[in-house]
Structures are given as C-alpha cells and as structure tokens.
Amino acid sequence: MESVDAVIRSRLNSNVVLIRTIGDYIIGAGGKRMRPALLLLVAQALGYRGTHQHVLAAVVEFIHTATLLHDDVVDESSLRRGRDTANAVFGNAASVLVGDYLYSRAFEMMVEVDSMRIMQIMSEATTVIAEGEVLQLLNVHDPDVSQERYLQVVRFKTAKLFEAAAQAGAVIAGASPERQEAAAAYGRHIGTAFQLVDDVLDYSGDAAALGKNVGDDLREGKPTLPLIRVLEVGTSAQRDLVRHAIEHGEADFDAVARAIQETGALDHARQCALAEAEMARRSLDAFPISEYRQSLLEFCAFAVNRDR
C-alpha cells in the first residue's frame, strides 16, 4: 500500500496547482483504500509478483476518488471522512473538473500495463458506475423503489468497482478464466455487502466514527434498504412516515429511526449483507491456500462487522 500511495502522489503531480491541491486534499483525507487493497491481494493470491499491480491499484483509487468528487456535487454533500467535502471547500465547478482529470489520468495510467483485457474491465466499470449514478438519481424521492431495484443500483454504483479491482488483479496474475470469474464474483459480493452495511450505519452509526452526517441518505430522499424494508413490513403509520420522508427528504429522524428499529429493518439489511459476504467467501474456494487468500477471507468479516 505504501507503493500504491507513492504512485498516487507522483501521478497527482500536475502543473496545474488547483488539481494538485484538490487531489491532495481528497486523497489525503485517507479512507479505507479497500478497492486497491483488494486488487493487490487477489493478484498476489493468484501468484503475481510484478509491479503493475501498484499502478493498477492507483488507477482504481483514482476512479473511486473521481466518483466521490462527482457524488458530493450531485448530493450537495458537505462532509466526508470527517472533513468538509472538496466541493464545500473549493466549489462545485472545480470538484467536477478535477474528477474528470482523475478519470482521464486513470485511463492514461492503464495504458502502461499494456493489457486490452484490463482496459475492457475498467472502461466497462466506469460505464456501469455512471449508469448506477443515473439509476440512483431516478430513485431519489421515489418511495415505490423495490429491494430488487435498489440492489441493482448497489451493484452498479458501488459493487462494480470492487468487482473490477478483483478481476483486474486476477488478469494481471495470468489466472485461468474460472479464477478470473471467481475473483470478479468475490469483488461483486464484497462490494454489495459493504454498501448494505453502509445503509445500516446511516441509521445506527455515530457521525464522528463514520466521517459523514448520519441520516444523510434520508435527507437526500434516497430509499435505502432499511427504509424499503419498513415500507414492506411496517404498520400503516410507519409506512406513511417513511413514504413522506422519502418523498420530501424531511421528517422526524428519531421517529424514522424508531420505525426502522421496531420493524427489524436493520437486522434484515445486515442479514442481506451477511449473505453477500458468505457468497464472497465461497468464491475464494477457487483460490489456492495462501496468506493472501486468508486476508481476503478476513475482508469478508470486516465488510459486515465494521462500524465506519
């Protein structure tokens, strides 16, 4: 990861000062670096011992960072990872343009690996992520979003980059098609589990620990899984409360949180996350036993047991 961070720092070294400033600001905010770590672990678990993994891991982090910059503008967010968002500090225009720069830089770096298959995986991922963003936009303030529709957004918007990172790690390792598909499945399920736990934490976490404003999804009118569950199994009064909250982006947050607790909606979301993590674990049966595979197994537990 130190090598990845070194690549990130060197490739952010633009002659345009504002690009360096915003890039340093958001990259320097930290984060879990789960996606690049996933690529490194999969590559090494499948026998790769070269250096392209560091460049590709940085590519994945650049793509992820670009999506964060754009997300915060679209969502009008003011807090991420415990700090003011880049758009809150530098403005929307600068955030969007630097996000575009990071996408472009990522594809420029991909060329160095000289793998058409990697290019296919990453270009498809960025397309699918954009589709997920638009699908989520269509779901905002819509209380009739089903669990199936919501999970489609999760798989497109969040899980797809996890999937691409894991699959790219398998490709540069020269893994068999079966192991490449197992790696992709692992990333897809881990990414889905990760997002579902985020949904739970939005109604049960602590803002300081999460580095974001608890309840943001509700205020933005996003029908996440706990809310969808209340609409499926809640009383008439509970359903009306949540429906109003989604439609208007405003409600008594404490009352909505009580409805979520009383209907077992958080337990339902956690169970869905656990099911995804178990499918990810099973995907690793195709991998040879190693310390890297063990770390990937531990990722499964981390994804569902974290508190931030």
C-alpha atoms as a PDB file:
ATOM      1  CA  MET A   1       0.000   0.000   0.000  1.00  0.00           C
ATOM      2  CA  GLU A   2       2.961   2.328   0.571  1.00  0.00           C
ATOM      3  CA  SER A   3       3.977   1.683  -3.030  1.00  0.00           C
ATOM      4  CA  VAL A   4       0.435   2.461  -4.184  1.00  0.00           C
ATOM      5  CA  ASP A   5       0.414   5.708  -2.214  1.00  0.00           C
ATOM      6  CA  ALA A   6       3.738   6.643  -3.815  1.00  0.00           C
ATOM      7  CA  VAL A   7       2.225   6.112  -7.279  1.00  0.00           C
ATOM      8  CA  ILE A   8      -0.823   8.166  -6.311  1.00  0.00           C
ATOM      9  CA  ARG A   9       1.313  11.057  -5.104  1.00  0.00           C
ATOM     10  CA  SER A  10       3.548  11.065  -8.176  1.00  0.00           C
ATOM     11  CA  ARG A  11       0.648  10.888 -10.647  1.00  0.00           C
ATOM     12  CA  LEU A  12      -1.184  13.753  -8.951  1.00  0.00           C
ATOM     13  CA  ASN A  13       1.794  15.974  -9.680  1.00  0.00           C
ATOM     14  CA  SER A  14       0.063  18.166 -12.265  1.00  0.00           C
ATOM     15  CA  ASN A  15       1.461  21.529 -13.345  1.00  0.00           C
ATOM     16  CA  VAL A  16      -1.990  22.951 -12.611  1.00  0.00           C
ATOM     17  CA  VAL A  17      -1.831  23.933  -8.970  1.00  0.00           C
ATOM     18  CA  LEU A  18      -5.566  23.585  -8.278  1.00  0.00           C
ATOM     19  CA  ILE A  19      -5.534  19.976  -9.494  1.00  0.00           C
ATOM     20  CA  ARG A  20      -2.700  19.142  -7.112  1.00  0.00           C
ATOM     21  CA  THR A  21      -4.399  20.980  -4.272  1.00  0.00           C
ATOM     22  CA  ILE A  22      -7.775  19.270  -4.623  1.00  0.00           C
ATOM     23  CA  GLY A  23      -6.209  15.903  -5.404  1.00  0.00           C
ATOM     24  CA  ASP A  24      -4.025  16.106  -2.309  1.00  0.00           C
ATOM     25  CA  TYR A  25      -6.996  17.249  -0.251  1.00  0.00           C
ATOM     26  CA  ILE A  26      -9.264  14.332  -1.047  1.00  0.00           C
ATOM     27  CA  ILE A  27      -6.574  11.635  -1.311  1.00  0.00           C
ATOM     28  CA  GLY A  28      -5.025  12.927   1.900  1.00  0.00           C
ATOM     29  CA  ALA A  29      -8.355  12.524   3.687  1.00  0.00           C
ATOM     30  CA  GLY A  30      -7.470   8.854   3.975  1.00  0.00           C
ATOM     31  CA  GLY A  31     -10.194   6.285   3.590  1.00  0.00           C
ATOM     32  CA  LYS A  32     -10.040   2.533   3.790  1.00  0.00           C
ATOM     33  CA  ARG A  33      -8.320   2.000   0.405  1.00  0.00           C
ATOM     34  CA  MET A  34     -10.317  -1.225   0.200  1.00  0.00           C
ATOM     35  CA  ARG A  35     -10.509  -1.378  -3.576  1.00  0.00           C
ATOM     36  CA  PRO A  36      -6.768  -1.034  -4.251  1.00  0.00           C
ATOM     37  CA  ALA A  37      -6.006  -3.413  -1.379  1.00  0.00           C
ATOM     38  CA  LEU A  38      -8.404  -5.906  -2.933  1.00  0.00           C
ATOM     39  CA  LEU A  39      -6.564  -5.748  -6.249  1.00  0.00           C
ATOM     40  CA  LEU A  40      -3.196  -6.276  -4.555  1.00  0.00           C
ATOM     41  CA  LEU A  41      -4.414  -9.241  -2.505  1.00  0.00           C
ATOM     42  CA  VAL A  42      -6.124 -11.001  -5.427  1.00  0.00           C
ATOM     43  CA  ALA A  43      -3.097 -10.523  -7.687  1.00  0.00           C
ATOM     44  CA  GLN A  44      -0.729 -11.964  -5.084  1.00  0.00           C
ATOM     45  CA  ALA A  45      -3.127 -14.728  -4.056  1.00  0.00           C
ATOM     46  CA  LEU A  46      -3.046 -15.894  -7.677  1.00  0.00           C
ATOM     47  CA  GLY A  47       0.717 -15.750  -7.991  1.00  0.00           C
ATOM     48  CA  TYR A  48       1.547 -12.292  -9.374  1.00  0.00           C
ATOM     49  CA  ARG A  49       4.909 -10.896  -8.308  1.00  0.00           C
ATOM     50  CA  GLY A  50       5.415  -7.996 -10.723  1.00  0.00           C
ATOM     51  CA  THR A  51       4.970  -4.232 -10.305  1.00  0.00           C
ATOM     52  CA  HIS A  52       1.952  -3.425 -12.481  1.00  0.00           C
ATOM     53  CA  GLN A  53      -0.284  -4.134  -9.506  1.00  0.00           C
ATOM     54  CA  HIS A  54       0.728  -0.846  -7.868  1.00  0.00           C
ATOM     55  CA  VAL A  55      -0.167   1.223 -10.926  1.00  0.00           C
ATOM     56  CA  LEU A  56      -3.476  -0.596 -11.341  1.00  0.00           C
ATOM     57  CA  ALA A  57      -4.319  -0.202  -7.662  1.00  0.00           C
ATOM     58  CA  ALA A  58      -3.696   3.545  -8.025  1.00  0.00           C
ATOM     59  CA  VAL A  59      -5.922   3.543 -11.124  1.00  0.00           C
ATOM     60  CA  VAL A  60      -8.736   2.022  -9.090  1.00  0.00           C
ATOM     61  CA  GLU A  61      -8.287   4.615  -6.335  1.00  0.00           C
ATOM     62  CA  PHE A  62      -8.301   7.453  -8.879  1.00  0.00           C
ATOM     63  CA  ILE A  63     -11.549   6.177 -10.394  1.00  0.00           C
ATOM     64  CA  HIS A  64     -13.067   5.834  -6.936  1.00  0.00           C
ATOM     65  CA  THR A  65     -11.914   9.338  -5.956  1.00  0.00           C
ATOM     66  CA  ALA A  66     -13.386  10.791  -9.140  1.00  0.00           C
ATOM     67  CA  THR A  67     -16.751   9.220  -8.322  1.00  0.00           C
ATOM     68  CA  LEU A  68     -16.586  10.706  -4.800  1.00  0.00           C
ATOM     69  CA  LEU A  69     -15.899  14.178  -6.166  1.00  0.00           C
ATOM     70  CA  HIS A  70     -18.835  13.924  -8.545  1.00  0.00           C
ATOM     71  CA  ASP A  71     -21.106  12.253  -5.950  1.00  0.00           C
ATOM     72  CA  ASP A  72     -20.620  15.035  -3.440  1.00  0.00           C
ATOM     73  CA  VAL A  73     -21.561  17.646  -6.016  1.00  0.00           C
ATOM     74  CA  VAL A  74     -24.680  15.755  -7.093  1.00  0.00           C
ATOM     75  CA  ASP A  75     -25.715  15.059  -3.491  1.00  0.00           C
ATOM     76  CA  GLU A  76     -24.739  18.552  -2.301  1.00  0.00           C
ATOM     77  CA  SER A  77     -22.805  16.865   0.500  1.00  0.00           C
ATOM     78  CA  SER A  78     -20.755  18.912   2.939  1.00  0.00           C
ATOM     79  CA  LEU A  79     -18.969  16.223   4.969  1.00  0.00           C
ATOM     80  CA  ARG A  80     -16.946  13.146   4.019  1.00  0.00           C
ATOM     81  CA  ARG A  81     -14.451  11.164   6.090  1.00  0.00           C
ATOM     82  CA  GLY A  82     -14.868  13.654   8.915  1.00  0.00           C
ATOM     83  CA  ARG A  83     -13.826  16.667   6.799  1.00  0.00           C
ATOM     84  CA  ASP A  84     -15.518  19.232   4.606  1.00  0.00           C
ATOM     85  CA  THR A  85     -16.037  17.847   1.119  1.00  0.00           C
ATOM     86  CA  ALA A  86     -13.931  19.200  -1.732  1.00  0.00           C
ATOM     87  CA  ASN A  87     -16.953  20.920  -3.262  1.00  0.00           C
ATOM     88  CA  ALA A  88     -17.677  22.649   0.053  1.00  0.00           C
ATOM     89  CA  VAL A  89     -14.092  23.958   0.159  1.00  0.00           C
ATOM     90  CA  PHE A  90     -13.243  24.588  -3.499  1.00  0.00           C
ATOM     91  CA  GLY A  91     -16.658  24.820  -5.175  1.00  0.00           C
ATOM     92  CA  ASN A  92     -18.679  22.543  -7.438  1.00  0.00           C
ATOM     93  CA  ALA A  93     -17.013  23.510 -10.731  1.00  0.00           C
ATOM     94  CA  ALA A  94     -13.505  22.761  -9.509  1.00  0.00           C
ATOM     95  CA  SER A  95     -14.601  19.443  -7.967  1.00  0.00           C
ATOM     96  CA  VAL A  96     -16.279  18.244 -11.168  1.00  0.00           C
ATOM     97  CA  LEU A  97     -13.348  19.227 -13.351  1.00  0.00           C
ATOM     98  CA  VAL A  98     -10.743  17.620 -11.090  1.00  0.00           C
ATOM     99  CA  GLY A  99     -12.916  14.498 -11.010  1.00  0.00           C
ATOM    100  CA  ASP A 100     -12.773  14.496 -14.806  1.00  0.00           C
ATOM    101  CA  TYR A 101      -8.992  14.888 -14.631  1.00  0.00           C
ATOM    102  CA  LEU A 102      -8.678  11.874 -12.330  1.00  0.00           C
ATOM    103  CA  TYR A 103     -10.743   9.728 -14.712  1.00  0.00           C
ATOM    104  CA  SER A 104      -8.518  10.787 -17.614  1.00  0.00           C
ATOM    105  CA  ARG A 105      -5.335  10.214 -15.635  1.00  0.00           C
ATOM    106  CA  ALA A 106      -6.565   6.754 -14.623  1.00  0.00           C
ATOM    107  CA  PHE A 107      -7.021   5.702 -18.247  1.00  0.00           C
ATOM    108  CA  GLU A 108      -3.660   7.182 -19.202  1.00  0.00           C
ATOM    109  CA  MET A 109      -2.033   5.042 -16.491  1.00  0.00           C
ATOM    110  CA  MET A 110      -3.923   1.928 -17.626  1.00  0.00           C
ATOM    111  CA  VAL A 111      -2.193   2.075 -20.985  1.00  0.00           C
ATOM    112  CA  GLU A 112       1.140   1.441 -19.245  1.00  0.00           C
ATOM    113  CA  VAL A 113       0.012  -2.055 -18.282  1.00  0.00           C
ATOM    114  CA  ASP A 114      -0.450  -2.850 -21.978  1.00  0.00           C
ATOM    115  CA  SER A 115      -3.436  -5.160 -21.446  1.00  0.00           C
ATOM    116  CA  MET A 116      -6.509  -4.816 -23.602  1.00  0.00           C
ATOM    117  CA  ARG A 117      -8.426  -7.018 -21.160  1.00  0.00           C
ATOM    118  CA  ILE A 118      -7.641  -4.632 -18.284  1.00  0.00           C
ATOM    119  CA  MET A 119      -8.822  -1.722 -20.448  1.00  0.00           C
ATOM    120  CA  GLN A 120     -12.060  -3.577 -21.172  1.00  0.00           C
ATOM    121  CA  ILE A 121     -12.683  -4.299 -17.493  1.00  0.00           C
ATOM    122  CA  MET A 122     -12.021  -0.755 -16.316  1.00  0.00           C
ATOM    123  CA  SER A 123     -13.819   1.010 -19.144  1.00  0.00           C
ATOM    124  CA  GLU A 124     -16.861  -1.198 -18.619  1.00  0.00           C
ATOM    125  CA  ALA A 125     -16.709  -0.478 -14.891  1.00  0.00           C
ATOM    126  CA  THR A 126     -16.729   3.297 -15.370  1.00  0.00           C
ATOM    127  CA  THR A 127     -19.703   2.997 -17.737  1.00  0.00           C
ATOM    128  CA  VAL A 128     -21.649   0.820 -15.314  1.00  0.00           C
ATOM    129  CA  ILE A 129     -20.845   3.123 -12.382  1.00  0.00           C
ATOM    130  CA  ALA A 130     -22.206   6.080 -14.364  1.00  0.00           C
ATOM    131  CA  GLU A 131     -25.349   4.082 -15.129  1.00  0.00           C
ATOM    132  CA  GLY A 132     -25.690   3.349 -11.428  1.00  0.00           C
ATOM    133  CA  GLU A 133     -25.434   7.038 -10.614  1.00  0.00           C
ATOM    134  CA  VAL A 134     -28.242   7.825 -13.038  1.00  0.00           C
ATOM    135  CA  LEU A 135     -30.367   4.948 -11.729  1.00  0.00           C
ATOM    136  CA  GLN A 136     -29.911   6.257  -8.198  1.00  0.00           C
ATOM    137  CA  LEU A 137     -30.923   9.723  -9.363  1.00  0.00           C
ATOM    138  CA  LEU A 138     -34.116   8.258 -10.808  1.00  0.00           C
ATOM    139  CA  ASN A 139     -34.838   6.541  -7.473  1.00  0.00           C
ATOM    140  CA  VAL A 140     -34.478   9.671  -5.360  1.00  0.00           C
ATOM    141  CA  HIS A 141     -37.764  10.689  -3.701  1.00  0.00           C
ATOM    142  CA  ASP A 142     -39.449   7.553  -5.057  1.00  0.00           C
ATOM    143  CA  PRO A 143     -40.977   5.514  -2.191  1.00  0.00           C
ATOM    144  CA  ASP A 144     -42.011   2.732  -4.570  1.00  0.00           C
ATOM    145  CA  VAL A 145     -38.456   1.539  -5.237  1.00  0.00           C
ATOM    146  CA  SER A 146     -38.309  -2.214  -4.654  1.00  0.00           C
ATOM    147  CA  GLN A 147     -35.469  -4.088  -2.978  1.00  0.00           C
ATOM    148  CA  GLU A 148     -34.559  -5.539  -6.377  1.00  0.00           C
ATOM    149  CA  ARG A 149     -34.320  -2.082  -7.974  1.00  0.00           C
ATOM    150  CA  TYR A 150     -32.261  -0.812  -5.088  1.00  0.00           C
ATOM    151  CA  LEU A 151     -29.827  -3.726  -5.218  1.00  0.00           C
ATOM    152  CA  GLN A 152     -29.338  -3.081  -8.924  1.00  0.00           C
ATOM    153  CA  VAL A 153     -28.143   0.436  -8.050  1.00  0.00           C
ATOM    154  CA  VAL A 154     -25.798  -1.000  -5.404  1.00  0.00           C
ATOM    155  CA  ARG A 155     -24.291  -3.497  -7.826  1.00  0.00           C
ATOM    156  CA  PHE A 156     -23.809  -0.828 -10.490  1.00  0.00           C
ATOM    157  CA  LYS A 157     -22.739   2.160  -8.401  1.00  0.00           C
ATOM    158  CA  THR A 158     -20.686   0.562  -5.620  1.00  0.00           C
ATOM    159  CA  ALA A 159     -20.017  -3.132  -6.194  1.00  0.00           C
ATOM    160  CA  LYS A 160     -18.866  -2.759  -9.797  1.00  0.00           C
ATOM    161  CA  LEU A 161     -15.545  -1.121  -8.905  1.00  0.00           C
ATOM    162  CA  PHE A 162     -14.862  -3.783  -6.252  1.00  0.00           C
ATOM    163  CA  GLU A 163     -15.575  -6.381  -8.936  1.00  0.00           C
ATOM    164  CA  ALA A 164     -13.325  -4.663 -11.481  1.00  0.00           C
ATOM    165  CA  ALA A 165     -10.474  -4.324  -8.955  1.00  0.00           C
ATOM    166  CA  ALA A 166     -10.587  -8.010  -8.039  1.00  0.00           C
ATOM    167  CA  GLN A 167     -10.936  -9.153 -11.640  1.00  0.00           C
ATOM    168  CA  ALA A 168      -8.053  -6.941 -12.778  1.00  0.00           C
ATOM    169  CA  GLY A 169      -5.865  -8.484 -10.079  1.00  0.00           C
ATOM    170  CA  ALA A 170      -6.659 -11.930 -11.440  1.00  0.00           C
ATOM    171  CA  VAL A 171      -5.994 -10.875 -15.035  1.00  0.00           C
ATOM    172  CA  ILE A 172      -2.507  -9.476 -14.402  1.00  0.00           C
ATOM    173  CA  ALA A 173      -1.723 -12.658 -12.455  1.00  0.00           C
ATOM    174  CA  GLY A 174      -2.477 -14.669 -15.613  1.00  0.00           C
ATOM    175  CA  ALA A 175      -5.182 -16.629 -13.780  1.00  0.00           C
ATOM    176  CA  SER A 176      -7.478 -19.068 -15.570  1.00  0.00           C
ATOM    177  CA  PRO A 177     -10.868 -17.810 -16.800  1.00  0.00           C
ATOM    178  CA  GLU A 178     -12.516 -19.721 -13.943  1.00  0.00           C
ATOM    179  CA  ARG A 179     -10.381 -17.979 -11.331  1.00  0.00           C
ATOM    180  CA  GLN A 180     -10.894 -14.613 -13.013  1.00  0.00           C
ATOM    181  CA  GLU A 181     -14.643 -15.116 -12.733  1.00  0.00           C
ATOM    182  CA  ALA A 182     -14.291 -16.252  -9.111  1.00  0.00           C
ATOM    183  CA  ALA A 183     -12.327 -13.065  -8.365  1.00  0.00           C
ATOM    184  CA  ALA A 184     -14.985 -10.929 -10.058  1.00  0.00           C
ATOM    185  CA  ALA A 185     -17.736 -12.661  -8.080  1.00  0.00           C
ATOM    186  CA  TYR A 186     -15.811 -12.130  -4.861  1.00  0.00           C
ATOM    187  CA  GLY A 187     -15.473  -8.397  -5.528  1.00  0.00           C
ATOM    188  CA  ARG A 188     -19.109  -8.055  -6.561  1.00  0.00           C
ATOM    189  CA  HIS A 189     -20.425  -9.701  -3.399  1.00  0.00           C
ATOM    190  CA  ILE A 190     -17.978  -7.924  -1.072  1.00  0.00           C
ATOM    191  CA  GLY A 191     -18.886  -4.585  -2.649  1.00  0.00           C
ATOM    192  CA  THR A 192     -22.592  -5.261  -2.209  1.00  0.00           C
ATOM    193  CA  ALA A 193     -22.107  -6.308   1.422  1.00  0.00           C
ATOM    194  CA  PHE A 194     -20.028  -3.182   2.031  1.00  0.00           C
ATOM    195  CA  GLN A 195     -22.796  -0.887   0.756  1.00  0.00           C
ATOM    196  CA  LEU A 196     -25.555  -2.671   2.668  1.00  0.00           C
ATOM    197  CA  VAL A 197     -23.614  -2.185   5.892  1.00  0.00           C
ATOM    198  CA  ASP A 198     -23.266   1.491   4.966  1.00  0.00           C
ATOM    199  CA  ASP A 199     -27.061   1.579   4.796  1.00  0.00           C
ATOM    200  CA  VAL A 200     -27.269   0.127   8.300  1.00  0.00           C
ATOM    201  CA  LEU A 201     -24.690   2.563   9.680  1.00  0.00           C
ATOM    202  CA  ASP A 202     -26.606   5.505   8.258  1.00  0.00           C
ATOM    203  CA  TYR A 203     -29.278   4.787  10.877  1.00  0.00           C
ATOM    204  CA  SER A 204     -27.230   3.270  13.680  1.00  0.00           C
ATOM    205  CA  GLY A 205     -23.746   4.722  13.444  1.00  0.00           C
ATOM    206  CA  ASP A 206     -22.029   7.682  15.029  1.00  0.00           C
ATOM    207  CA  ALA A 207     -21.310  10.692  12.804  1.00  0.00           C
ATOM    208  CA  ALA A 208     -17.807  11.130  14.219  1.00  0.00           C
ATOM    209  CA  ALA A 209     -16.929   7.487  13.580  1.00  0.00           C
ATOM    210  CA  LEU A 210     -18.475   7.431  10.115  1.00  0.00           C
ATOM    211  CA  GLY A 211     -16.983  10.708   8.957  1.00  0.00           C
ATOM    212  CA  LYS A 212     -20.322  11.704   7.458  1.00  0.00           C
ATOM    213  CA  ASN A 213     -23.619  13.094   8.599  1.00  0.00           C
ATOM    214  CA  VAL A 214     -25.756  10.274   9.986  1.00  0.00           C
ATOM    215  CA  GLY A 215     -29.130  10.325   8.223  1.00  0.00           C
ATOM    216  CA  ASP A 216     -27.808  11.947   5.039  1.00  0.00           C
ATOM    217  CA  ASP A 217     -29.481   9.335   2.822  1.00  0.00           C
ATOM    218  CA  LEU A 218     -32.851  10.142   4.362  1.00  0.00           C
ATOM    219  CA  ARG A 219     -32.390  13.889   3.937  1.00  0.00           C
ATOM    220  CA  GLU A 220     -31.434  13.306   0.302  1.00  0.00           C
ATOM    221  CA  GLY A 221     -34.604  11.276  -0.257  1.00  0.00           C
ATOM    222  CA  LYS A 222     -32.703   8.078  -1.066  1.00  0.00           C
ATOM    223  CA  PRO A 223     -34.753   4.879  -0.499  1.00  0.00           C
ATOM    224  CA  THR A 224     -32.063   2.633   1.001  1.00  0.00           C
ATOM    225  CA  LEU A 225     -32.678  -0.932   2.158  1.00  0.00           C
ATOM    226  CA  PRO A 226     -33.774  -0.194   5.773  1.00  0.00           C
ATOM    227  CA  LEU A 227     -36.387   2.274   4.506  1.00  0.00           C
ATOM    228  CA  ILE A 228     -37.555  -0.123   1.804  1.00  0.00           C
ATOM    229  CA  ARG A 229     -37.959  -2.818   4.458  1.00  0.00           C
ATOM    230  CA  VAL A 230     -40.173  -0.562   6.619  1.00  0.00           C
ATOM    231  CA  LEU A 231     -42.344   0.089   3.579  1.00  0.00           C
ATOM    232  CA  GLU A 232     -42.654  -3.685   3.080  1.00  0.00           C
ATOM    233  CA  VAL A 233     -43.452  -4.824   6.632  1.00  0.00           C
ATOM    234  CA  GLY A 234     -44.260  -1.737   8.729  1.00  0.00           C
ATOM    235  CA  THR A 235     -47.595  -0.605  10.095  1.00  0.00           C
ATOM    236  CA  SER A 236     -49.684   1.847   8.119  1.00  0.00           C
ATOM    237  CA  ALA A 237     -48.401   4.718  10.266  1.00  0.00           C
ATOM    238  CA  GLN A 238     -44.793   3.611   9.867  1.00  0.00           C
ATOM    239  CA  ARG A 239     -45.153   3.256   6.115  1.00  0.00           C
ATOM    240  CA  ASP A 240     -46.758   6.716   5.842  1.00  0.00           C
ATOM    241  CA  LEU A 241     -43.924   8.234   7.887  1.00  0.00           C
ATOM    242  CA  VAL A 242     -41.211   6.711   5.718  1.00  0.00           C
ATOM    243  CA  ARG A 243     -43.056   7.422   2.482  1.00  0.00           C
ATOM    244  CA  HIS A 244     -43.307  11.091   3.438  1.00  0.00           C
ATOM    245  CA  ALA A 245     -39.613  11.152   4.408  1.00  0.00           C
ATOM    246  CA  ILE A 246     -38.508   9.722   1.062  1.00  0.00           C
ATOM    247  CA  GLU A 247     -40.816  11.937  -0.985  1.00  0.00           C
ATOM    248  CA  HIS A 248     -39.868  15.179   0.771  1.00  0.00           C
ATOM    249  CA  GLY A 249     -36.398  14.492   2.194  1.00  0.00           C
ATOM    250  CA  GLU A 250     -37.572  15.685   5.570  1.00  0.00           C
ATOM    251  CA  ALA A 251     -39.126  14.002   8.589  1.00  0.00           C
ATOM    252  CA  ASP A 252     -38.654  13.373  12.272  1.00  0.00           C
ATOM    253  CA  PHE A 253     -35.375  11.456  12.053  1.00  0.00           C
ATOM    254  CA  ASP A 254     -35.861   9.920  15.502  1.00  0.00           C
ATOM    255  CA  ALA A 255     -39.326   8.665  14.541  1.00  0.00           C
ATOM    256  CA  VAL A 256     -37.990   7.126  11.333  1.00  0.00           C
ATOM    257  CA  ALA A 257     -35.129   5.523  13.264  1.00  0.00           C
ATOM    258  CA  ARG A 258     -37.652   4.046  15.732  1.00  0.00           C
ATOM    259  CA  ALA A 259     -39.718   2.635  12.876  1.00  0.00           C
ATOM    260  CA  ILE A 260     -36.598   1.075  11.408  1.00  0.00           C
ATOM    261  CA  GLN A 261     -35.709  -0.497  14.764  1.00  0.00           C
ATOM    262  CA  GLU A 262     -39.238  -1.709  15.508  1.00  0.00           C
ATOM    263  CA  THR A 263     -39.651  -3.429  12.141  1.00  0.00           C
ATOM    264  CA  GLY A 264     -36.265  -5.166  12.355  1.00  0.00           C
ATOM    265  CA  ALA A 265     -35.203  -3.370   9.155  1.00  0.00           C
ATOM    266  CA  LEU A 266     -31.581  -3.062  10.260  1.00  0.00           C
ATOM    267  CA  ASP A 267     -31.413  -6.769  11.079  1.00  0.00           C
ATOM    268  CA  HIS A 268     -32.866  -7.510   7.649  1.00  0.00           C
ATOM    269  CA  ALA A 269     -30.237  -5.351   5.942  1.00  0.00           C
ATOM    270  CA  ARG A 270     -27.463  -6.961   7.998  1.00  0.00           C
ATOM    271  CA  GLN A 271     -28.687 -10.418   7.073  1.00  0.00           C
ATOM    272  CA  CYS A 272     -28.615  -9.455   3.405  1.00  0.00           C
ATOM    273  CA  ALA A 273     -25.053  -8.180   3.869  1.00  0.00           C
ATOM    274  CA  LEU A 274     -24.044 -11.395   5.638  1.00  0.00           C
ATOM    275  CA  ALA A 275     -25.483 -13.434   2.767  1.00  0.00           C
ATOM    276  CA  GLU A 276     -23.406 -11.441   0.277  1.00  0.00           C
ATOM    277  CA  ALA A 277     -20.271 -11.870   2.394  1.00  0.00           C
ATOM    278  CA  GLU A 278     -20.863 -15.615   2.532  1.00  0.00           C
ATOM    279  CA  MET A 279     -21.139 -15.768  -1.264  1.00  0.00           C
ATOM    280  CA  ALA A 280     -17.879 -13.833  -1.468  1.00  0.00           C
ATOM    281  CA  ARG A 281     -16.265 -16.337   0.894  1.00  0.00           C
ATOM    282  CA  ARG A 282     -17.421 -19.258  -1.228  1.00  0.00           C
ATOM    283  CA  SER A 283     -15.923 -17.648  -4.335  1.00  0.00           C
ATOM    284  CA  LEU A 284     -12.494 -17.994  -2.728  1.00  0.00           C
ATOM    285  CA  ASP A 285     -12.768 -21.783  -2.832  1.00  0.00           C
ATOM    286  CA  ALA A 286     -11.295 -21.454  -6.332  1.00  0.00           C
ATOM    287  CA  PHE A 287      -8.133 -19.807  -4.950  1.00  0.00           C
ATOM    288  CA  PRO A 288      -5.042 -21.680  -3.722  1.00  0.00           C
ATOM    289  CA  ILE A 289      -4.427 -21.566   0.019  1.00  0.00           C
ATOM    290  CA  SER A 290      -2.076 -18.714   0.993  1.00  0.00           C
ATOM    291  CA  GLU A 291      -1.731 -15.821   3.415  1.00  0.00           C
ATOM    292  CA  TYR A 292      -3.245 -13.573   0.734  1.00  0.00           C
ATOM    293  CA  ARG A 293      -6.326 -15.771   0.428  1.00  0.00           C
ATOM    294  CA  GLN A 294      -6.615 -15.681   4.217  1.00  0.00           C
ATOM    295  CA  SER A 295      -6.591 -11.886   4.133  1.00  0.00           C
ATOM    296  CA  LEU A 296      -9.339 -11.947   1.508  1.00  0.00           C
ATOM    297  CA  LEU A 297     -11.366 -14.202   3.791  1.00  0.00           C
ATOM    298  CA  GLU A 298     -10.857 -11.706   6.616  1.00  0.00           C
ATOM    299  CA  PHE A 299     -12.162  -8.983   4.291  1.00  0.00           C
ATOM    300  CA  CYS A 300     -15.497 -10.807   4.353  1.00  0.00           C
ATOM    301  CA  ALA A 301     -15.754 -10.413   8.114  1.00  0.00           C
ATOM    302  CA  PHE A 302     -14.515  -6.821   8.040  1.00  0.00           C
ATOM    303  CA  ALA A 303     -17.059  -5.771   5.423  1.00  0.00           C
ATOM    304  CA  VAL A 304     -20.004  -6.728   7.645  1.00  0.00           C
ATOM    305  CA  ASN A 305     -18.620  -6.148  11.158  1.00  0.00           C
ATOM    306  CA  ARG A 306     -17.186  -2.652  10.760  1.00  0.00           C
ATOM    307  CA  ASP A 307     -18.598   0.412  12.498  1.00  0.00           C
ATOM    308  CA  ARG A 308     -17.453   3.012   9.990  1.00  0.00           C
END
